[in-house]
Protein backbone atom coordinates (compact mmCIF):
# COMPACT_ATOMS: atom_id res chain seq x y z
CA MET A 1 0.03 -0.02 0.01
CA ALA A 2 2.37 2.65 -1.27
CA VAL A 3 -0.22 5.42 -1.41
CA ARG A 4 -2.51 6.30 1.46
CA PRO A 5 -6.16 6.96 0.54
CA ARG A 6 -7.38 10.49 0.50
CA VAL A 7 -9.07 11.74 3.60
CA TYR A 8 -12.96 11.82 3.60
CA ARG A 9 -14.14 13.97 6.38
CA ASP A 10 -16.77 16.23 4.73
CA VAL A 11 -20.41 15.82 5.78
CA MET A 12 -21.34 15.98 2.08
CA PRO A 13 -18.28 14.64 0.17
CA ALA A 14 -17.56 15.95 -3.32
CA SER A 15 -17.40 12.36 -4.58
CA ARG A 16 -21.19 12.00 -4.31
CA THR A 17 -23.34 13.28 -7.15
CA ASP A 18 -26.55 12.90 -5.20
CA THR A 19 -27.52 14.67 -2.01
CA PRO A 20 -28.46 12.79 1.28
CA ASN A 21 -31.93 13.02 2.78
CA LEU A 22 -32.10 16.28 4.89
CA LEU A 23 -33.18 14.34 7.97
CA VAL A 24 -30.18 11.86 7.63
CA LEU A 25 -27.81 14.81 7.20
CA ILE A 26 -29.21 16.60 10.31
CA LYS A 27 -28.90 13.49 12.44
CA SER A 28 -25.30 12.95 11.32
CA VAL A 29 -24.16 16.37 12.54
CA LEU A 30 -26.55 16.71 15.56
CA PRO A 31 -23.91 16.22 18.29
CA SER A 32 -21.75 19.02 16.84
CA LEU A 33 -24.53 21.69 16.71
CA SER A 34 -24.89 24.39 19.30
CA LYS A 35 -27.81 24.26 21.80
CA ALA A 36 -29.73 26.85 19.78
CA GLU A 37 -29.11 25.06 16.47
CA THR A 38 -30.07 21.79 18.05
CA LYS A 39 -33.61 23.24 18.78
CA VAL A 40 -33.89 24.08 15.02
CA ALA A 41 -32.77 20.56 14.16
CA GLN A 42 -35.16 18.96 16.56
CA GLU A 43 -38.07 20.98 15.27
CA ILE A 44 -37.33 19.99 11.62
CA ILE A 45 -36.99 16.28 12.53
CA ARG A 46 -40.31 16.53 14.44
CA GLU A 47 -42.16 18.38 11.64
CA PRO A 48 -40.30 18.09 8.36
CA GLU A 49 -43.46 18.89 6.31
CA ALA A 50 -44.09 22.06 8.21
CA ALA A 51 -40.43 23.05 7.87
CA SER A 52 -40.85 22.84 4.04
CA THR A 53 -43.48 25.55 4.04
CA ARG A 54 -42.49 27.83 6.94
CA THR A 55 -40.76 31.15 6.47
CA ILE A 56 -37.52 31.71 8.36
CA THR A 57 -39.41 33.66 10.99
CA GLU A 58 -41.99 30.97 11.46
CA LEU A 59 -39.35 28.26 11.81
CA ALA A 60 -37.39 30.36 14.34
CA ARG A 61 -40.45 30.93 16.35
CA ALA A 62 -41.50 27.29 16.31
CA ALA A 63 -38.02 26.23 17.44
CA GLY A 64 -37.84 28.93 20.11
CA THR A 65 -34.72 30.52 18.57
CA SER A 66 -33.82 33.43 16.33
CA GLU A 67 -33.65 33.92 12.57
CA ALA A 68 -29.90 34.26 12.95
CA THR A 69 -29.74 30.80 14.54
CA VAL A 70 -31.64 29.34 11.60
CA VAL A 71 -29.09 30.94 9.25
CA ARG A 72 -26.19 29.51 11.23
CA PHE A 73 -27.93 26.13 11.26
CA CYS A 74 -28.12 26.10 7.49
CA ARG A 75 -24.43 26.89 7.22
CA SER A 76 -23.60 24.09 9.62
CA LEU A 77 -25.34 21.69 7.23
CA GLY A 78 -23.55 23.11 4.31
CA LEU A 79 -26.67 24.66 2.78
CA ALA A 80 -26.79 27.96 0.94
CA GLY A 81 -29.56 29.30 3.15
CA HIS A 82 -33.15 28.94 4.29
CA ARG A 83 -34.56 28.53 0.77
CA GLU A 84 -32.34 25.47 0.24
CA LEU A 85 -33.40 24.17 3.59
CA ARG A 86 -37.07 24.40 2.76
CA MET A 87 -36.48 22.67 -0.61
CA ARG A 88 -34.51 19.87 1.04
CA ALA A 89 -37.22 19.43 3.66
CA ALA A 90 -39.83 19.07 0.95
CA GLN A 91 -37.66 16.47 -0.76
CA ALA A 92 -37.34 14.54 2.48
CA VAL A 93 -41.08 14.48 2.98
CA ILE A 94 -41.67 13.26 -0.60
CA GLY A 95 -39.01 10.63 -0.14
CA THR A 96 -40.79 9.24 2.97
CA GLY A 97 -43.83 8.34 0.78
CA ASP A 98 -46.93 6.66 2.33
CA GLY A 99 -45.26 5.19 5.32
CA PRO A 100 -46.81 3.91 8.58
CA ASP A 101 -48.50 6.20 11.12
CA ARG A 102 -46.46 8.93 12.91
CA GLU A 103 -46.01 6.90 16.17
CA ILE A 104 -44.53 3.94 14.37
CA ALA A 105 -42.37 6.11 12.14
CA GLY A 106 -41.16 7.94 15.23
CA GLY A 107 -39.73 4.78 16.69
CA ASP A 108 -41.33 5.14 20.09
CA ILE A 109 -42.75 2.01 21.83
CA PRO A 110 -45.22 3.00 24.49
CA THR A 111 -45.99 1.10 27.64
CA GLY A 112 -48.40 -1.66 26.96
CA ALA A 113 -47.65 -1.94 23.23
CA ASP A 114 -48.76 -5.20 21.74
CA MET A 115 -46.55 -7.47 19.76
CA SER A 116 -47.88 -6.30 16.41
CA ARG A 117 -46.98 -2.75 17.29
CA ILE A 118 -43.51 -3.77 18.35
CA ILE A 119 -42.86 -5.73 15.23
CA ALA A 120 -44.10 -2.83 13.00
CA THR A 121 -41.97 -0.26 14.80
CA VAL A 122 -38.76 -2.26 15.01
CA SER A 123 -39.05 -3.53 11.39
CA TYR A 124 -39.77 0.03 10.14
CA ALA A 125 -36.73 1.41 11.95
CA ASP A 126 -34.46 -1.38 10.75
CA MET A 127 -35.53 -0.95 7.11
CA GLY A 128 -35.15 2.81 7.37
CA ALA A 129 -31.71 2.46 8.87
CA ILE A 130 -30.57 0.41 5.93
CA THR A 131 -32.09 2.62 3.28
CA ASP A 132 -30.86 5.83 4.94
CA THR A 133 -27.36 4.41 5.46
CA ALA A 134 -27.18 3.40 1.75
CA ASN A 135 -28.02 6.95 0.90
CA ALA A 136 -25.61 8.43 3.35
CA LEU A 137 -22.58 6.31 2.50
CA ASP A 138 -19.82 8.02 0.46
CA THR A 139 -19.12 5.61 -2.43
CA GLY A 140 -15.62 7.00 -2.85
CA ALA A 141 -14.79 6.50 0.83
CA CYS A 142 -16.17 2.87 0.59
CA GLU A 143 -14.08 2.22 -2.48
CA ALA A 144 -10.90 3.56 -0.79
CA ALA A 145 -11.68 1.51 2.38
CA VAL A 146 -12.11 -1.69 0.41
CA ALA A 147 -8.85 -1.02 -1.53
CA ALA A 148 -7.04 -0.46 1.76
CA LEU A 149 -8.50 -3.68 3.29
CA ALA A 150 -7.69 -5.75 0.20
CA ALA A 151 -4.06 -4.59 0.23
CA ALA A 152 -3.54 -4.67 4.01
CA GLY A 153 -0.88 -6.67 5.63
CA ARG A 154 -2.91 -6.85 8.79
CA ILE A 155 -6.40 -5.56 9.84
CA ASP A 156 -7.28 -4.73 13.40
CA VAL A 157 -10.93 -3.96 14.24
CA PHE A 158 -12.27 -2.56 17.49
CA GLY A 159 -15.64 -1.56 18.97
CA VAL A 160 -17.15 -1.59 22.44
CA GLU A 161 -20.19 -3.65 23.49
CA ALA A 162 -22.69 -3.87 20.61
CA SER A 163 -20.17 -2.35 18.19
CA GLY A 164 -17.79 -5.06 19.31
CA ILE A 165 -20.17 -7.62 18.03
CA VAL A 166 -20.10 -5.93 14.64
CA ALA A 167 -16.32 -5.77 14.78
CA ALA A 168 -16.18 -9.58 15.40
CA ASP A 169 -18.54 -10.12 12.49
CA LEU A 170 -16.31 -8.20 10.09
CA VAL A 171 -13.15 -10.08 11.17
CA LYS A 172 -14.92 -13.45 10.87
CA LYS A 173 -15.94 -12.60 7.26
CA LEU A 174 -12.52 -11.29 6.30
CA HIS A 175 -10.83 -14.30 7.91
CA ARG A 176 -12.82 -16.70 5.81
CA ILE A 177 -11.43 -15.16 2.62
CA GLY A 178 -7.82 -15.23 3.71
CA SER A 179 -7.31 -11.79 5.13
CA VAL A 180 -5.17 -11.42 8.35
CA ALA A 181 -7.71 -9.78 10.55
CA PHE A 182 -8.27 -9.49 14.35
CA SER A 183 -10.94 -8.09 16.59
CA TRP A 184 -10.09 -7.25 20.22
CA PRO A 185 -12.23 -7.78 23.31
CA ASP A 186 -10.82 -4.96 25.41
CA VAL A 187 -9.06 -1.60 24.94
CA HIS A 188 -5.78 -2.82 26.43
CA SER A 189 -5.45 -5.52 23.71
CA ALA A 190 -6.56 -3.14 21.04
CA LEU A 191 -3.98 -0.51 22.08
CA VAL A 192 -1.24 -3.13 21.99
CA ALA A 193 -2.31 -4.10 18.49
CA SER A 194 -2.24 -0.44 17.47
CA ALA A 195 1.26 -0.02 18.86
CA LEU A 196 2.40 -2.67 16.45
CA ALA A 197 0.61 -1.28 13.36
CA GLY A 198 2.41 0.22 10.35
CA PRO A 199 1.78 1.96 7.03
CA LYS A 200 0.75 -1.35 5.37
CA ASP A 201 -1.92 -2.08 7.99
CA VAL A 202 -5.51 -0.99 8.46
CA ALA A 203 -7.37 -0.15 11.67
CA VAL A 204 -11.19 -0.05 11.67
CA ALA A 205 -13.05 1.51 14.60
CA ILE A 206 -16.81 1.15 15.09
CA SER A 207 -18.90 3.39 17.27
CA HIS A 208 -22.48 4.66 16.83
CA SER A 209 -21.83 7.87 18.72
CA GLY A 210 -18.20 8.32 17.53
CA ALA A 211 -17.39 9.48 21.02
CA THR A 212 -16.56 6.25 22.91
CA THR A 213 -13.25 7.02 24.51
CA GLU A 214 -11.65 3.66 24.16
CA THR A 215 -12.57 3.35 20.48
CA VAL A 216 -11.23 6.85 19.65
CA GLU A 217 -7.98 6.06 21.54
CA PHE A 218 -7.54 2.87 19.51
CA LEU A 219 -7.97 4.69 16.17
CA GLU A 220 -5.71 7.63 17.23
CA ALA A 221 -2.98 5.16 18.27
CA ALA A 222 -3.20 3.42 14.92
CA ARG A 223 -3.11 6.74 13.07
CA ASP A 224 0.09 7.64 14.99
CA ARG A 225 1.63 4.51 13.69
CA GLU A 226 0.64 5.59 10.12
CA ALA A 227 -1.86 2.76 9.68
CA VAL A 228 -4.79 3.57 7.33
CA THR A 229 -7.67 4.39 9.74
CA VAL A 230 -11.29 3.72 8.98
CA ALA A 231 -14.26 4.89 11.15
CA ILE A 232 -17.83 3.48 10.95
CA THR A 233 -19.97 5.95 12.93
CA ASN A 234 -23.40 7.61 12.90
CA HIS A 235 -21.90 11.09 13.34
CA ALA A 236 -19.63 12.59 10.69
CA ARG A 237 -18.19 15.28 13.01
CA SER A 238 -17.42 13.08 15.93
CA PRO A 239 -14.04 12.66 17.59
CA LEU A 240 -13.76 9.20 16.01
CA ALA A 241 -14.33 10.71 12.50
CA GLN A 242 -11.66 13.24 13.17
CA ALA A 243 -9.14 10.46 13.90
CA ALA A 244 -9.92 8.64 10.63
CA ASP A 245 -8.58 8.72 7.07
CA LEU A 246 -11.92 7.30 5.84
CA VAL A 247 -15.28 7.91 7.41
CA LEU A 248 -18.19 5.59 6.62
CA THR A 249 -21.30 7.14 8.03
CA THR A 250 -24.38 5.20 9.09
CA ALA A 251 -27.82 6.71 9.51
CA ALA A 252 -29.72 5.12 12.34
CA ARG A 253 -32.34 6.39 14.77
CA GLU A 254 -32.73 4.12 17.75
CA THR A 255 -36.18 3.09 19.05
CA THR A 256 -37.29 3.54 22.67
CA PHE A 257 -34.84 1.03 24.06
CA ARG A 258 -31.67 2.73 22.84
CA SER A 259 -29.42 0.80 25.36
CA GLY A 260 -30.03 -2.30 23.24
CA ALA A 261 -28.19 -0.66 20.35
CA THR A 262 -30.58 -2.32 18.03
CA VAL A 263 -31.00 -0.14 14.91
CA SER A 264 -27.43 1.13 15.08
CA ARG A 265 -26.18 -2.42 14.92
CA ILE A 266 -28.24 -3.15 11.79
CA ALA A 267 -26.81 -0.10 10.05
CA GLN A 268 -23.21 -1.01 11.07
CA LEU A 269 -23.68 -4.55 9.86
CA MET A 270 -24.87 -3.23 6.43
CA VAL A 271 -21.68 -1.21 6.11
CA VAL A 272 -19.57 -4.29 7.22
CA ASP A 273 -21.32 -6.38 4.56
CA CYS A 274 -20.53 -3.78 1.87
CA LEU A 275 -16.86 -3.79 2.86
CA PHE A 276 -16.67 -7.56 2.90
CA VAL A 277 -18.38 -8.02 -0.41
CA GLY A 278 -16.22 -5.25 -1.93
CA VAL A 279 -12.99 -6.94 -0.72
CA ALA A 280 -14.25 -10.33 -1.89
CA ALA A 281 -15.14 -8.97 -5.40
CA LYS A 282 -11.89 -7.21 -5.70
CA GLN A 283 -9.94 -10.48 -5.25
CA ARG A 284 -12.46 -12.87 -6.75
CA LYS A 285 -10.10 -15.85 -7.45
CA ARG A 286 -8.50 -15.76 -4.07
CA THR A 287 -11.91 -15.38 -2.45
CA ALA A 288 -13.40 -18.35 -4.28
CA LYS A 289 -10.43 -20.52 -3.31
CA ALA A 290 -10.57 -19.42 0.29
CA LEU A 291 -14.30 -20.01 0.63
CA ALA A 292 -14.02 -23.44 -0.89
CA ALA A 293 -11.18 -24.41 1.44
CA THR A 294 -12.95 -23.06 4.55
CA ALA A 295 -16.22 -24.70 3.60
CA ALA A 296 -14.49 -28.05 3.09
CA ALA A 297 -12.73 -27.75 6.37
CA VAL A 298 -16.09 -27.87 8.28
CA SER A 299 -18.17 -29.86 5.89
CA HIS A 300 -17.80 -33.07 7.83
CA ARG A 301 -19.29 -31.28 10.86
CA GLN A 302 -22.68 -31.08 9.10
CA ARG A 303 -25.33 -33.57 10.03
CA THR A 304 -27.50 -35.04 7.30
């Protein structure tokens, strides 16, 4: 890997020809907004249809802020101004189509909800996370990450708790096609691995918030050793994203039980699958040979 990939840190990278859904974009930068701008963001997320028709004065009043705050909010999103904000809000509403009722779409599961309501809410959130993540992903960043992974001498992947499960899934997939890949169960092991990394290696860090201290430390340590660093996160301006050469942004809104990390895990797994398939396709002959060998190795363990 003689040439390091270019850095992808923009919220709306130049490599994309389309524009992400406004609500997806807002959620990706939400943690980096000021308190006043956050009020505008929350109002638009709550009432995107109303935001598409409101004047700047009406939107400021509804959010409990000032017109100047709305202007600053537009700039934080990379928009030209309130007119573009209204247009993008209208596009977001149209893109939603004839979905389920507002409560299901909102992802909230009230006390006493029956199983049909739970299934409808969870499945809608999962499908939305996959669709929104596909729209939010920077194709150029994905291609660069795949190229780096395919050429890597060693791949270290780290995440905490639910993100750790996703890290282990990526490593298991890469291992089956012959890549030298490891996932680490604790930050001490991950930091030791980072200390041994070099320019020909790749470090992948996974965190929904992008602010998990241990995960950020792992990626920063790998960056200091000049490994190619890849972040999978829901927030494009997070500390984790700042430590990465390549940022792959998910777009997931958790349901009521956020501690279960349900929807975020689905979005992360979708990105992991894209990376794996990309690497497998890039080295098709090696992949076919490795999959055949690994399948044969366990075939006698199957009961008929």
